[in-house]
Amino acid sequence: MTDVKTLKRYFERALALAHAAVDEPTPDRIADAVAVGEEVLTLAARGRPAASTLTDGHELFAHATRLRALLTLLDEEQPTLPAIDYGAGVRATMR
């Protein structure tokens, strides 16, 4: 079982990874940030541990909201490789 302090630390690490991926969006950073972020959100969604104070609940909610927003931003910024048309000459050479 995870206590509230540990869950906060997990959120803080996931947020740091997500911010790093937003600052320099490489495929590896984005994949790491998304994987860790989704894992932390899944852990928090299980409701264990439940926040013991209103302050803890507010902090966990704020972390989760920020993390979801960053993951959405990263999903939109997924780098895609452009389609490269090498032309008929290169295709004929490669045959």
PDB file of N, CA and C in Angstrom:
ATOM      1  N   MET A   1       0.847  -1.177   0.000  1.00  0.00           N
ATOM      2  CA  MET A   1       0.000   0.000   0.000  1.00  0.00           C
ATOM      3  C   MET A   1       0.893   1.241   0.000  1.00  0.00           C
ATOM      4  N   THR A   2       0.453   2.257  -0.699  1.00  0.00           N
ATOM      5  CA  THR A   2       1.205   3.494  -0.828  1.00  0.00           C
ATOM      6  C   THR A   2       0.610   4.548   0.097  1.00  0.00           C
ATOM      7  N   ASP A   3       1.486   5.216   0.853  1.00  0.00           N
ATOM      8  CA  ASP A   3       0.963   6.269   1.708  1.00  0.00           C
ATOM      9  C   ASP A   3       0.866   7.574   0.919  1.00  0.00           C
ATOM     10  N   VAL A   4       0.244   8.565   1.514  1.00  0.00           N
ATOM     11  CA  VAL A   4      -0.032   9.823   0.826  1.00  0.00           C
ATOM     12  C   VAL A   4       1.265  10.538   0.450  1.00  0.00           C
ATOM     13  N   LYS A   5       2.259  10.535   1.333  1.00  0.00           N
ATOM     14  CA  LYS A   5       3.524  11.219   1.039  1.00  0.00           C
ATOM     15  C   LYS A   5       4.232  10.574  -0.148  1.00  0.00           C
ATOM     16  N   THR A   6       4.198   9.267  -0.215  1.00  0.00           N
ATOM     17  CA  THR A   6       4.827   8.574  -1.332  1.00  0.00           C
ATOM     18  C   THR A   6       4.097   8.877  -2.629  1.00  0.00           C
ATOM     19  N   LEU A   7       2.778   8.906  -2.582  1.00  0.00           N
ATOM     20  CA  LEU A   7       1.991   9.221  -3.770  1.00  0.00           C
ATOM     21  C   LEU A   7       2.282  10.644  -4.246  1.00  0.00           C
ATOM     22  N   LYS A   8       2.441  11.577  -3.314  1.00  0.00           N
ATOM     23  CA  LYS A   8       2.804  12.946  -3.692  1.00  0.00           C
ATOM     24  C   LYS A   8       4.161  12.968  -4.394  1.00  0.00           C
ATOM     25  N   ARG A   9       5.119  12.209  -3.865  1.00  0.00           N
ATOM     26  CA  ARG A   9       6.441  12.137  -4.497  1.00  0.00           C
ATOM     27  C   ARG A   9       6.357  11.549  -5.897  1.00  0.00           C
ATOM     28  N   TYR A  10       5.539  10.511  -6.065  1.00  0.00           N
ATOM     29  CA  TYR A  10       5.342   9.929  -7.397  1.00  0.00           C
ATOM     30  C   TYR A  10       4.783  10.969  -8.363  1.00  0.00           C
ATOM     31  N   PHE A  11       3.790  11.727  -7.893  1.00  0.00           N
ATOM     32  CA  PHE A  11       3.220  12.780  -8.729  1.00  0.00           C
ATOM     33  C   PHE A  11       4.275  13.824  -9.087  1.00  0.00           C
ATOM     34  N   GLU A  12       5.080  14.231  -8.115  1.00  0.00           N
ATOM     35  CA  GLU A  12       6.100  15.240  -8.369  1.00  0.00           C
ATOM     36  C   GLU A  12       7.123  14.747  -9.386  1.00  0.00           C
ATOM     37  N   ARG A  13       7.511  13.488  -9.302  1.00  0.00           N
ATOM     38  CA  ARG A  13       8.449  12.926 -10.281  1.00  0.00           C
ATOM     39  C   ARG A  13       7.815  12.848 -11.665  1.00  0.00           C
ATOM     40  N   ALA A  14       6.559  12.423 -11.719  1.00  0.00           N
ATOM     41  CA  ALA A  14       5.863  12.345 -12.999  1.00  0.00           C
ATOM     42  C   ALA A  14       5.705  13.731 -13.619  1.00  0.00           C
ATOM     43  N   LEU A  15       5.412  14.727 -12.786  1.00  0.00           N
ATOM     44  CA  LEU A  15       5.294  16.099 -13.282  1.00  0.00           C
ATOM     45  C   LEU A  15       6.636  16.613 -13.795  1.00  0.00           C
ATOM     46  N   ALA A  16       7.719  16.289 -13.095  1.00  0.00           N
ATOM     47  CA  ALA A  16       9.052  16.713 -13.545  1.00  0.00           C
ATOM     48  C   ALA A  16       9.386  16.086 -14.901  1.00  0.00           C
ATOM     49  N   LEU A  17       9.078  14.802 -15.058  1.00  0.00           N
ATOM     50  CA  LEU A  17       9.312  14.143 -16.350  1.00  0.00           C
ATOM     51  C   LEU A  17       8.468  14.771 -17.454  1.00  0.00           C
ATOM     52  N   ALA A  18       7.224  15.060 -17.154  1.00  0.00           N
ATOM     53  CA  ALA A  18       6.332  15.658 -18.151  1.00  0.00           C
ATOM     54  C   ALA A  18       6.806  17.054 -18.541  1.00  0.00           C
ATOM     55  N   HIS A  19       7.258  17.841 -17.569  1.00  0.00           N
ATOM     56  CA  HIS A  19       7.775  19.175 -17.876  1.00  0.00           C
ATOM     57  C   HIS A  19       9.039  19.080 -18.732  1.00  0.00           C
ATOM     58  N   ALA A  20       9.904  18.131 -18.429  1.00  0.00           N
ATOM     59  CA  ALA A  20      11.121  17.937 -19.232  1.00  0.00           C
ATOM     60  C   ALA A  20      10.758  17.548 -20.664  1.00  0.00           C
ATOM     61  N   ALA A  21       9.747  16.719 -20.818  1.00  0.00           N
ATOM     62  CA  ALA A  21       9.313  16.303 -22.152  1.00  0.00           C
ATOM     63  C   ALA A  21       8.670  17.453 -22.917  1.00  0.00           C
ATOM     64  N   VAL A  22       8.002  18.351 -22.217  1.00  0.00           N
ATOM     65  CA  VAL A  22       7.409  19.515 -22.882  1.00  0.00           C
ATOM     66  C   VAL A  22       8.514  20.482 -23.308  1.00  0.00           C
ATOM     67  N   ASP A  23       9.526  20.652 -22.436  1.00  0.00           N
ATOM     68  CA  ASP A  23      10.624  21.570 -22.755  1.00  0.00           C
ATOM     69  C   ASP A  23      11.450  21.089 -23.947  1.00  0.00           C
ATOM     70  N   GLU A  24      11.771  19.795 -23.967  1.00  0.00           N
ATOM     71  CA  GLU A  24      12.528  19.200 -25.073  1.00  0.00           C
ATOM     72  C   GLU A  24      11.822  17.920 -25.500  1.00  0.00           C
ATOM     73  N   PRO A  25      10.870  18.016 -26.410  1.00  0.00           N
ATOM     74  CA  PRO A  25      10.032  16.862 -26.762  1.00  0.00           C
ATOM     75  C   PRO A  25      10.722  15.843 -27.676  1.00  0.00           C
ATOM     76  N   THR A  26      11.567  15.016 -27.089  1.00  0.00           N
ATOM     77  CA  THR A  26      12.139  13.902 -27.843  1.00  0.00           C
ATOM     78  C   THR A  26      11.227  12.694 -27.673  1.00  0.00           C
ATOM     79  N   PRO A  27      11.237  11.773 -28.620  1.00  0.00           N
ATOM     80  CA  PRO A  27      10.362  10.599 -28.492  1.00  0.00           C
ATOM     81  C   PRO A  27      10.594   9.811 -27.197  1.00  0.00           C
ATOM     82  N   ASP A  28      11.837   9.681 -26.775  1.00  0.00           N
ATOM     83  CA  ASP A  28      12.124   8.947 -25.534  1.00  0.00           C
ATOM     84  C   ASP A  28      11.559   9.651 -24.313  1.00  0.00           C
ATOM     85  N   ARG A  29      11.754  10.951 -24.239  1.00  0.00           N
ATOM     86  CA  ARG A  29      11.231  11.708 -23.089  1.00  0.00           C
ATOM     87  C   ARG A  29       9.712  11.659 -23.051  1.00  0.00           C
ATOM     88  N   ILE A  30       9.099  11.800 -24.199  1.00  0.00           N
ATOM     89  CA  ILE A  30       7.633  11.765 -24.246  1.00  0.00           C
ATOM     90  C   ILE A  30       7.123  10.394 -23.813  1.00  0.00           C
ATOM     91  N   ALA A  31       7.751   9.326 -24.322  1.00  0.00           N
ATOM     92  CA  ALA A  31       7.320   7.969 -23.955  1.00  0.00           C
ATOM     93  C   ALA A  31       7.490   7.725 -22.463  1.00  0.00           C
ATOM     94  N   ASP A  32       8.620   8.150 -21.902  1.00  0.00           N
ATOM     95  CA  ASP A  32       8.847   7.977 -20.460  1.00  0.00           C
ATOM     96  C   ASP A  32       7.832   8.763 -19.643  1.00  0.00           C
ATOM     97  N   ALA A  33       7.603  10.014 -20.033  1.00  0.00           N
ATOM     98  CA  ALA A  33       6.672  10.862 -19.284  1.00  0.00           C
ATOM     99  C   ALA A  33       5.259  10.299 -19.323  1.00  0.00           C
ATOM    100  N   VAL A  34       4.836   9.833 -20.492  1.00  0.00           N
ATOM    101  CA  VAL A  34       3.490   9.279 -20.621  1.00  0.00           C
ATOM    102  C   VAL A  34       3.359   7.986 -19.812  1.00  0.00           C
ATOM    103  N   ALA A  35       4.358   7.111 -19.894  1.00  0.00           N
ATOM    104  CA  ALA A  35       4.294   5.839 -19.166  1.00  0.00           C
ATOM    105  C   ALA A  35       4.243   6.062 -17.659  1.00  0.00           C
ATOM    106  N   VAL A  36       5.132   6.901 -17.153  1.00  0.00           N
ATOM    107  CA  VAL A  36       5.164   7.149 -15.710  1.00  0.00           C
ATOM    108  C   VAL A  36       3.906   7.901 -15.273  1.00  0.00           C
ATOM    109  N   GLY A  37       3.496   8.873 -16.065  1.00  0.00           N
ATOM    110  CA  GLY A  37       2.296   9.645 -15.718  1.00  0.00           C
ATOM    111  C   GLY A  37       1.054   8.791 -15.645  1.00  0.00           C
ATOM    112  N   GLU A  38       0.877   7.926 -16.634  1.00  0.00           N
ATOM    113  CA  GLU A  38      -0.299   7.050 -16.615  1.00  0.00           C
ATOM    114  C   GLU A  38      -0.246   6.065 -15.453  1.00  0.00           C
ATOM    115  N   GLU A  39       0.947   5.606 -15.121  1.00  0.00           N
ATOM    116  CA  GLU A  39       1.080   4.680 -13.989  1.00  0.00           C
ATOM    117  C   GLU A  39       0.697   5.362 -12.677  1.00  0.00           C
ATOM    118  N   VAL A  40       1.148   6.591 -12.493  1.00  0.00           N
ATOM    119  CA  VAL A  40       0.830   7.326 -11.262  1.00  0.00           C
ATOM    120  C   VAL A  40      -0.666   7.638 -11.198  1.00  0.00           C
ATOM    121  N   LEU A  41      -1.237   8.042 -12.320  1.00  0.00           N
ATOM    122  CA  LEU A  41      -2.680   8.331 -12.322  1.00  0.00           C
ATOM    123  C   LEU A  41      -3.495   7.072 -12.039  1.00  0.00           C
ATOM    124  N   THR A  42      -3.045   5.937 -12.548  1.00  0.00           N
ATOM    125  CA  THR A  42      -3.729   4.671 -12.270  1.00  0.00           C
ATOM    126  C   THR A  42      -3.642   4.333 -10.787  1.00  0.00           C
ATOM    127  N   LEU A  43      -2.451   4.517 -10.228  1.00  0.00           N
ATOM    128  CA  LEU A  43      -2.267   4.254  -8.798  1.00  0.00           C
ATOM    129  C   LEU A  43      -3.170   5.154  -7.961  1.00  0.00           C
ATOM    130  N   ALA A  44      -3.256   6.429  -8.336  1.00  0.00           N
ATOM    131  CA  ALA A  44      -4.102   7.363  -7.580  1.00  0.00           C
ATOM    132  C   ALA A  44      -5.584   7.041  -7.763  1.00  0.00           C
ATOM    133  N   ALA A  45      -5.958   6.573  -8.944  1.00  0.00           N
ATOM    134  CA  ALA A  45      -7.367   6.277  -9.207  1.00  0.00           C
ATOM    135  C   ALA A  45      -7.877   5.090  -8.395  1.00  0.00           C
ATOM    136  N   ARG A  46      -6.971   4.230  -8.007  1.00  0.00           N
ATOM    137  CA  ARG A  46      -7.381   3.087  -7.179  1.00  0.00           C
ATOM    138  C   ARG A  46      -7.863   3.530  -5.807  1.00  0.00           C
ATOM    139  N   GLY A  47      -7.543   4.768  -5.455  1.00  0.00           N
ATOM    140  CA  GLY A  47      -8.030   5.303  -4.190  1.00  0.00           C
ATOM    141  C   GLY A  47      -7.283   4.817  -2.978  1.00  0.00           C
ATOM    142  N   ARG A  48      -6.127   4.254  -3.208  1.00  0.00           N
ATOM    143  CA  ARG A  48      -5.336   3.800  -2.069  1.00  0.00           C
ATOM    144  C   ARG A  48      -4.010   4.471  -2.107  1.00  0.00           C
ATOM    145  N   PRO A  49      -3.694   5.248  -1.179  1.00  0.00           N
ATOM    146  CA  PRO A  49      -4.474   5.556   0.015  1.00  0.00           C
ATOM    147  C   PRO A  49      -5.441   6.700  -0.252  1.00  0.00           C
ATOM    148  N   ALA A  50      -6.480   6.731   0.497  1.00  0.00           N
ATOM    149  CA  ALA A  50      -7.373   7.877   0.447  1.00  0.00           C
ATOM    150  C   ALA A  50      -6.695   9.000   1.221  1.00  0.00           C
ATOM    151  N   ALA A  51      -6.881  10.219   0.758  1.00  0.00           N
ATOM    152  CA  ALA A  51      -6.263  11.349   1.446  1.00  0.00           C
ATOM    153  C   ALA A  51      -6.833  11.441   2.854  1.00  0.00           C
ATOM    154  N   SER A  52      -5.940  11.653   3.807  1.00  0.00           N
ATOM    155  CA  SER A  52      -6.385  11.673   5.201  1.00  0.00           C
ATOM    156  C   SER A  52      -6.836  13.058   5.646  1.00  0.00           C
ATOM    157  N   THR A  53      -6.387  14.102   4.942  1.00  0.00           N
ATOM    158  CA  THR A  53      -6.810  15.455   5.297  1.00  0.00           C
ATOM    159  C   THR A  53      -7.292  16.163   4.044  1.00  0.00           C
ATOM    160  N   LEU A  54      -7.989  17.252   4.237  1.00  0.00           N
ATOM    161  CA  LEU A  54      -8.466  18.043   3.117  1.00  0.00           C
ATOM    162  C   LEU A  54      -7.290  18.621   2.328  1.00  0.00           C
ATOM    163  N   THR A  55      -6.239  19.013   3.031  1.00  0.00           N
ATOM    164  CA  THR A  55      -5.052  19.554   2.367  1.00  0.00           C
ATOM    165  C   THR A  55      -4.407  18.500   1.484  1.00  0.00           C
ATOM    166  N   ASP A  56      -4.275  17.273   1.999  1.00  0.00           N
ATOM    167  CA  ASP A  56      -3.709  16.184   1.190  1.00  0.00           C
ATOM    168  C   ASP A  56      -4.555  15.934  -0.051  1.00  0.00           C
ATOM    169  N   GLY A  57      -5.854  15.907   0.135  1.00  0.00           N
ATOM    170  CA  GLY A  57      -6.750  15.689  -0.994  1.00  0.00           C
ATOM    171  C   GLY A  57      -6.627  16.783  -2.039  1.00  0.00           C
ATOM    172  N   HIS A  58      -6.514  18.024  -1.576  1.00  0.00           N
ATOM    173  CA  HIS A  58      -6.378  19.155  -2.492  1.00  0.00           C
ATOM    174  C   HIS A  58      -5.058  19.057  -3.270  1.00  0.00           C
ATOM    175  N   GLU A  59      -3.970  18.730  -2.578  1.00  0.00           N
ATOM    176  CA  GLU A  59      -2.665  18.621  -3.242  1.00  0.00           C
ATOM    177  C   GLU A  59      -2.650  17.487  -4.266  1.00  0.00           C
ATOM    178  N   LEU A  60      -3.206  16.342  -3.903  1.00  0.00           N
ATOM    179  CA  LEU A  60      -3.251  15.225  -4.842  1.00  0.00           C
ATOM    180  C   LEU A  60      -4.115  15.561  -6.057  1.00  0.00           C
ATOM    181  N   PHE A  61      -5.242  16.232  -5.828  1.00  0.00           N
ATOM    182  CA  PHE A  61      -6.109  16.632  -6.930  1.00  0.00           C
ATOM    183  C   PHE A  61      -5.390  17.616  -7.854  1.00  0.00           C
ATOM    184  N   ALA A  62      -4.670  18.576  -7.268  1.00  0.00           N
ATOM    185  CA  ALA A  62      -3.943  19.571  -8.062  1.00  0.00           C
ATOM    186  C   ALA A  62      -2.848  18.901  -8.887  1.00  0.00           C
ATOM    187  N   HIS A  63      -2.113  17.984  -8.270  1.00  0.00           N
ATOM    188  CA  HIS A  63      -1.069  17.255  -9.006  1.00  0.00           C
ATOM    189  C   HIS A  63      -1.675  16.453 -10.158  1.00  0.00           C
ATOM    190  N   ALA A  64      -2.769  15.772  -9.891  1.00  0.00           N
ATOM    191  CA  ALA A  64      -3.407  14.952 -10.927  1.00  0.00           C
ATOM    192  C   ALA A  64      -3.925  15.816 -12.071  1.00  0.00           C
ATOM    193  N   THR A  65      -4.495  16.967 -11.750  1.00  0.00           N
ATOM    194  CA  THR A  65      -5.009  17.871 -12.779  1.00  0.00           C
ATOM    195  C   THR A  65      -3.881  18.391 -13.655  1.00  0.00           C
ATOM    196  N   ARG A  66      -2.777  18.808 -13.024  1.00  0.00           N
ATOM    197  CA  ARG A  66      -1.629  19.299 -13.791  1.00  0.00           C
ATOM    198  C   ARG A  66      -1.043  18.199 -14.667  1.00  0.00           C
ATOM    199  N   LEU A  67      -0.935  17.006 -14.111  1.00  0.00           N
ATOM    200  CA  LEU A  67      -0.352  15.893 -14.856  1.00  0.00           C
ATOM    201  C   LEU A  67      -1.222  15.520 -16.051  1.00  0.00           C
ATOM    202  N   ARG A  68      -2.536  15.467 -15.851  1.00  0.00           N
ATOM    203  CA  ARG A  68      -3.433  15.163 -16.977  1.00  0.00           C
ATOM    204  C   ARG A  68      -3.307  16.207 -18.087  1.00  0.00           C
ATOM    205  N   ALA A  69      -3.190  17.478 -17.703  1.00  0.00           N
ATOM    206  CA  ALA A  69      -3.051  18.542 -18.698  1.00  0.00           C
ATOM    207  C   ALA A  69      -1.741  18.395 -19.473  1.00  0.00           C
ATOM    208  N   LEU A  70      -0.662  18.090 -18.782  1.00  0.00           N
ATOM    209  CA  LEU A  70       0.621  17.918 -19.454  1.00  0.00           C
ATOM    210  C   LEU A  70       0.614  16.692 -20.364  1.00  0.00           C
ATOM    211  N   LEU A  71       0.001  15.605 -19.924  1.00  0.00           N
ATOM    212  CA  LEU A  71      -0.058  14.402 -20.756  1.00  0.00           C
ATOM    213  C   LEU A  71      -0.896  14.655 -22.014  1.00  0.00           C
ATOM    214  N   THR A  72      -1.957  15.442 -21.879  1.00  0.00           N
ATOM    215  CA  THR A  72      -2.757  15.807 -23.049  1.00  0.00           C
ATOM    216  C   THR A  72      -1.927  16.638 -24.015  1.00  0.00           C
ATOM    217  N   LEU A  73      -1.161  17.571 -23.484  1.00  0.00           N
ATOM    218  CA  LEU A  73      -0.291  18.397 -24.319  1.00  0.00           C
ATOM    219  C   LEU A  73       0.753  17.539 -25.024  1.00  0.00           C
ATOM    220  N   LEU A  74       1.332  16.599 -24.310  1.00  0.00           N
ATOM    221  CA  LEU A  74       2.336  15.719 -24.916  1.00  0.00           C
ATOM    222  C   LEU A  74       1.719  14.834 -25.984  1.00  0.00           C
ATOM    223  N   ASP A  75       0.493  14.400 -25.763  1.00  0.00           N
ATOM    224  CA  ASP A  75      -0.182  13.569 -26.755  1.00  0.00           C
ATOM    225  C   ASP A  75      -0.399  14.338 -28.047  1.00  0.00           C
ATOM    226  N   GLU A  76      -0.708  15.624 -27.926  1.00  0.00           N
ATOM    227  CA  GLU A  76      -0.911  16.458 -29.106  1.00  0.00           C
ATOM    228  C   GLU A  76       0.394  16.767 -29.821  1.00  0.00           C
ATOM    229  N   GLU A  77       1.512  16.787 -29.070  1.00  0.00           N
ATOM    230  CA  GLU A  77       2.806  17.132 -29.653  1.00  0.00           C
ATOM    231  C   GLU A  77       3.625  15.903 -30.041  1.00  0.00           C
ATOM    232  N   GLN A  78       2.994  14.745 -30.115  1.00  0.00           N
ATOM    233  CA  GLN A  78       3.731  13.540 -30.504  1.00  0.00           C
ATOM    234  C   GLN A  78       4.437  13.802 -31.819  1.00  0.00           C
ATOM    235  N   PRO A  79       5.752  13.678 -31.817  1.00  0.00           N
ATOM    236  CA  PRO A  79       6.452  13.930 -33.073  1.00  0.00           C
ATOM    237  C   PRO A  79       6.137  12.852 -34.105  1.00  0.00           C
ATOM    238  N   THR A  80       5.872  13.290 -35.295  1.00  0.00           N
ATOM    239  CA  THR A  80       5.630  12.347 -36.380  1.00  0.00           C
ATOM    240  C   THR A  80       6.670  12.596 -37.456  1.00  0.00           C
ATOM    241  N   LEU A  81       7.132  11.539 -38.056  1.00  0.00           N
ATOM    242  CA  LEU A  81       8.122  11.669 -39.107  1.00  0.00           C
ATOM    243  C   LEU A  81       7.427  12.063 -40.398  1.00  0.00           C
ATOM    244  N   PRO A  82       8.000  13.029 -41.110  1.00  0.00           N
ATOM    245  CA  PRO A  82       7.371  13.436 -42.368  1.00  0.00           C
ATOM    246  C   PRO A  82       7.526  12.347 -43.413  1.00  0.00           C
ATOM    247  N   ALA A  83       6.554  12.275 -44.286  1.00  0.00           N
ATOM    248  CA  ALA A  83       6.640  11.326 -45.393  1.00  0.00           C
ATOM    249  C   ALA A  83       7.673  11.853 -46.379  1.00  0.00           C
ATOM    250  N   ILE A  84       8.608  11.020 -46.729  1.00  0.00           N
ATOM    251  CA  ILE A  84       9.676  11.432 -47.635  1.00  0.00           C
ATOM    252  C   ILE A  84       9.447  10.765 -48.978  1.00  0.00           C
ATOM    253  N   ASP A  85       9.390  11.575 -50.005  1.00  0.00           N
ATOM    254  CA  ASP A  85       9.244  11.059 -51.354  1.00  0.00           C
ATOM    255  C   ASP A  85      10.615  11.137 -52.021  1.00  0.00           C
ATOM    256  N   TYR A  86      11.229   9.999 -52.212  1.00  0.00           N
ATOM    257  CA  TYR A  86      12.566   9.967 -52.790  1.00  0.00           C
ATOM    258  C   TYR A  86      12.547  10.091 -54.308  1.00  0.00           C
ATOM    259  N   GLY A  87      11.417   9.990 -54.911  1.00  0.00           N
ATOM    260  CA  GLY A  87      11.312  10.138 -56.353  1.00  0.00           C
ATOM    261  C   GLY A  87      11.486   8.820 -57.074  1.00  0.00           C
ATOM    262  N   ALA A  88      11.089   8.822 -58.331  1.00  0.00           N
ATOM    263  CA  ALA A  88      11.119   7.605 -59.145  1.00  0.00           C
ATOM    264  C   ALA A  88      12.541   7.129 -59.396  1.00  0.00           C
ATOM    265  N   GLY A  89      13.495   8.049 -59.512  1.00  0.00           N
ATOM    266  CA  GLY A  89      14.876   7.660 -59.793  1.00  0.00           C
ATOM    267  C   GLY A  89      15.483   6.818 -58.693  1.00  0.00           C
ATOM    268  N   VAL A  90      15.216   7.176 -57.451  1.00  0.00           N
ATOM    269  CA  VAL A  90      15.755   6.420 -56.331  1.00  0.00           C
ATOM    270  C   VAL A  90      15.069   5.064 -56.238  1.00  0.00           C
ATOM    271  N   ARG A  91      13.767   5.032 -56.472  1.00  0.00           N
ATOM    272  CA  ARG A  91      13.052   3.757 -56.424  1.00  0.00           C
ATOM    273  C   ARG A  91      13.588   2.799 -57.491  1.00  0.00           C
ATOM    274  N   ALA A  92      13.883   3.317 -58.681  1.00  0.00           N
ATOM    275  CA  ALA A  92      14.401   2.465 -59.749  1.00  0.00           C
ATOM    276  C   ALA A  92      15.789   1.943 -59.400  1.00  0.00           C
ATOM    277  N   THR A  93      16.595   2.773 -58.725  1.00  0.00           N
ATOM    278  CA  THR A  93      17.938   2.367 -58.336  1.00  0.00           C
ATOM    279  C   THR A  93      17.889   1.287 -57.266  1.00  0.00           C
ATOM    280  N   MET A  94      16.921   1.345 -56.380  1.00  0.00           N
ATOM    281  CA  MET A  94      16.832   0.400 -55.267  1.00  0.00           C
ATOM    282  C   MET A  94      16.281  -0.949 -55.678  1.00  0.00           C
ATOM    283  N   ARG A  95      15.768  -1.091 -56.897  1.00  0.00           N
ATOM    284  CA  ARG A  95      15.186  -2.359 -57.327  1.00  0.00           C
ATOM    285  C   ARG A  95      16.219  -3.360 -57.636  1.00  0.00           C
TER     286      ARG A  95
END
